[in-house]
Amino acid sequence: MIPRPKASFAERLRKLRPQLAHAFAVHQENRPLPQEDQALLERLAETIIDRRMATPALLFFESVGPMNFLGSQVLHFLTPLLNLTCRATEFDRAARLLERRDTIPRLIALIEAKASVVATR
């Protein structure tokens, strides 16, 4: 029996690449938000504008935007403690919202839109 030469590493990698091409792809969610979630984002944006914190909030959200899923997991972890001090239903909703990749860009757009309306007054 004649031994077959083993495929080189480059050949094995070339065969494996198409199988892994979309293994770690992250898809943007294009579904519309439920009305309650949209209302929560609106209230948060209005609170930020009312306290005149638009610029720091935008800077914060732009810098931590890629870590929104981690923030959602922290909120889920803190839910039992939050239940002791306040209503945690909105925190739970916020945690579920942060699991979506498109939440932070939507919130940034809301803050920018509301800040521009206030600035033109």
Foldseek 3Di string as FASTA:
>chain_A
DDDDDDDDPVVVVVVCCVVCVCVPDDDADPDDDPPVLVVLLLVVLVVCVVVVNLVVVLVVLVVCLVVLLVVLVVLVVCQVVVVVPDDCPSSPSSSVLSNHSCNSVVSNVSNVVVNVVVVVD
